[in-house]
């Protein structure tokens, strides 16, 4: 957890650094190597921290050091980050509900269909606000 926080902070401060890929990479490696069922509500703060790191790096990349970010741009990205974070509980809740059930191919088909619909809806919604 500390390593991910350090990598995320490095990425937020230096957007060109490898921290941007290293932080979520460490999370994926940890979750992939973890033994047993470790799915918990701690996934939500982890998702929020990684999203905050990404948005901070994105805003830092808008210009050279010392250049401030104007308020409308900051609010735009805070709204987008908030909307993106809404996906975390939307993914965690079904995962918690379905984790004790036997795996069936239907679960993957339904999950793929939901992801496809969410992608189309998000693309349509964000496409209308492209002039922001």
Protein backbone atom coordinates (compact mmCIF):
# COMPACT_ATOMS: atom_id res chain seq x y z
CA UNK A 1 0.00 0.00 0.00
CA UNK A 2 2.81 2.41 0.87
CA UNK A 3 4.64 1.57 -2.35
CA UNK A 4 1.52 2.29 -4.41
CA UNK A 5 1.01 5.61 -2.59
CA UNK A 6 4.64 6.61 -3.23
CA UNK A 7 4.43 5.65 -6.91
CA UNK A 8 1.12 7.50 -7.29
CA UNK A 9 2.59 10.62 -5.65
CA UNK A 10 5.61 10.46 -7.96
CA UNK A 11 3.29 10.19 -10.94
CA UNK A 12 1.20 13.14 -9.74
CA UNK A 13 4.32 15.30 -9.30
CA UNK A 14 6.17 14.11 -12.42
CA UNK A 15 3.56 13.01 -14.98
CA UNK A 16 6.24 11.79 -17.39
CA UNK A 17 7.59 9.33 -14.83
CA UNK A 18 7.03 5.59 -14.86
CA UNK A 19 4.93 5.96 -11.70
CA UNK A 20 1.84 6.27 -13.88
CA UNK A 21 2.09 2.69 -15.01
CA UNK A 22 3.97 1.35 -12.00
CA UNK A 23 1.30 2.24 -9.39
CA UNK A 24 -1.60 0.35 -10.98
CA UNK A 25 0.86 -2.32 -12.12
CA UNK A 26 1.83 -3.03 -8.52
CA UNK A 27 -1.85 -3.19 -7.57
CA UNK A 28 -2.57 -5.68 -10.37
CA UNK A 29 0.45 -7.80 -9.44
CA UNK A 30 -0.55 -7.81 -5.77
CA UNK A 31 -4.16 -8.73 -6.49
CA UNK A 32 -3.08 -11.34 -9.02
CA UNK A 33 -0.62 -12.95 -6.61
CA UNK A 34 -2.85 -12.71 -3.51
CA UNK A 35 -3.98 -16.00 -2.08
CA UNK A 36 -7.61 -16.49 -1.19
CA UNK A 37 -10.54 -14.14 -1.59
CA UNK A 38 -9.37 -10.70 -0.59
CA UNK A 39 -12.16 -8.72 -2.21
CA UNK A 40 -13.21 -6.00 0.21
CA UNK A 41 -14.48 -2.47 0.47
CA UNK A 42 -10.82 -1.31 0.57
CA UNK A 43 -10.96 -1.54 -3.21
CA UNK A 44 -12.96 1.71 -3.20
CA UNK A 45 -10.29 3.88 -1.51
CA UNK A 46 -7.66 2.22 -3.71
CA UNK A 47 -9.65 3.11 -6.83
CA UNK A 48 -10.13 6.68 -5.57
CA UNK A 49 -6.41 7.07 -4.85
CA UNK A 50 -5.38 5.77 -8.27
CA UNK A 51 -7.95 8.01 -9.95
CA UNK A 52 -6.78 11.03 -7.94
CA UNK A 53 -3.18 10.29 -8.95
CA UNK A 54 -4.18 10.09 -12.59
CA UNK A 55 -6.12 13.37 -12.51
CA UNK A 56 -3.34 15.15 -10.59
CA UNK A 57 -0.79 14.00 -13.18
CA UNK A 58 -3.08 15.02 -15.99
CA UNK A 59 -3.51 18.50 -14.53
CA UNK A 60 0.24 18.79 -13.85
CA UNK A 61 0.89 17.91 -17.49
CA UNK A 62 -1.16 20.88 -18.69
CA UNK A 63 1.91 23.10 -18.55
CA UNK A 64 5.35 23.71 -17.08
CA UNK A 65 6.10 23.81 -13.35
CA UNK A 66 4.66 26.88 -11.70
CA UNK A 67 1.85 27.28 -14.21
CA UNK A 68 -1.45 27.20 -12.37
CA UNK A 69 -4.54 25.39 -13.57
CA UNK A 70 -7.56 27.61 -14.12
CA UNK A 71 -10.68 26.89 -12.07
CA UNK A 72 -12.93 25.82 -14.98
CA UNK A 73 -10.38 23.20 -16.08
CA UNK A 74 -9.98 21.96 -12.51
CA UNK A 75 -13.75 21.67 -12.06
CA UNK A 76 -14.12 19.90 -15.40
CA UNK A 77 -11.62 17.22 -14.41
CA UNK A 78 -13.04 16.89 -10.90
CA UNK A 79 -16.50 16.26 -12.42
CA UNK A 80 -15.04 13.71 -14.83
CA UNK A 81 -13.13 11.97 -12.03
CA UNK A 82 -16.25 11.87 -9.87
CA UNK A 83 -18.23 10.33 -12.72
CA UNK A 84 -15.47 7.79 -13.36
CA UNK A 85 -15.31 6.89 -9.66
CA UNK A 86 -19.01 5.98 -9.71
CA UNK A 87 -17.96 2.88 -11.66
CA UNK A 88 -15.94 1.54 -8.71
CA UNK A 89 -18.90 0.73 -6.44
CA UNK A 90 -20.90 -0.30 -9.50
CA UNK A 91 -18.27 -2.97 -10.20
CA UNK A 92 -17.54 -3.88 -6.56
CA UNK A 93 -21.15 -4.53 -5.57
CA UNK A 94 -21.85 -7.26 -8.15
CA UNK A 95 -18.43 -8.76 -7.46
CA UNK A 96 -19.25 -9.02 -3.74
CA UNK A 97 -22.68 -10.49 -4.50
CA UNK A 98 -21.39 -13.03 -7.02
CA UNK A 99 -18.14 -14.10 -5.34
CA UNK A 100 -19.65 -17.06 -3.50
CA UNK A 101 -21.58 -18.40 -6.49
CA UNK A 102 -20.28 -21.05 -8.82
CA UNK A 103 -18.78 -19.53 -11.93
CA UNK A 104 -20.91 -19.96 -15.01
CA UNK A 105 -20.37 -18.70 -18.56
CA UNK A 106 -23.55 -16.63 -18.23
CA UNK A 107 -21.87 -14.35 -15.69
CA UNK A 108 -19.17 -13.43 -18.21
CA UNK A 109 -21.71 -12.79 -20.97
CA UNK A 110 -23.84 -10.56 -18.73
CA UNK A 111 -20.74 -8.75 -17.48
CA UNK A 112 -19.55 -8.12 -21.02
CA UNK A 113 -23.00 -6.86 -22.04
CA UNK A 114 -23.12 -4.48 -19.06
CA UNK A 115 -19.61 -3.20 -19.85
CA UNK A 116 -20.59 -2.65 -23.48
CA UNK A 117 -23.75 -0.73 -22.54
CA UNK A 118 -21.82 1.36 -19.98
CA UNK A 119 -19.18 2.18 -22.60
CA UNK A 120 -21.77 3.26 -25.17
CA UNK A 121 -23.68 5.36 -22.62
CA UNK A 122 -20.48 7.00 -21.33
CA UNK A 123 -19.28 7.70 -24.87
CA UNK A 124 -22.60 9.29 -25.77
CA UNK A 125 -22.68 11.35 -22.57
CA UNK A 126 -19.09 12.54 -22.84
CA UNK A 127 -19.40 13.08 -26.57
CA UNK A 128 -22.06 15.72 -26.00
CA UNK A 129 -19.77 17.58 -23.58
CA UNK A 130 -16.72 17.46 -25.86
CA UNK A 131 -16.83 21.24 -26.23
CA UNK A 132 -16.17 21.72 -22.47
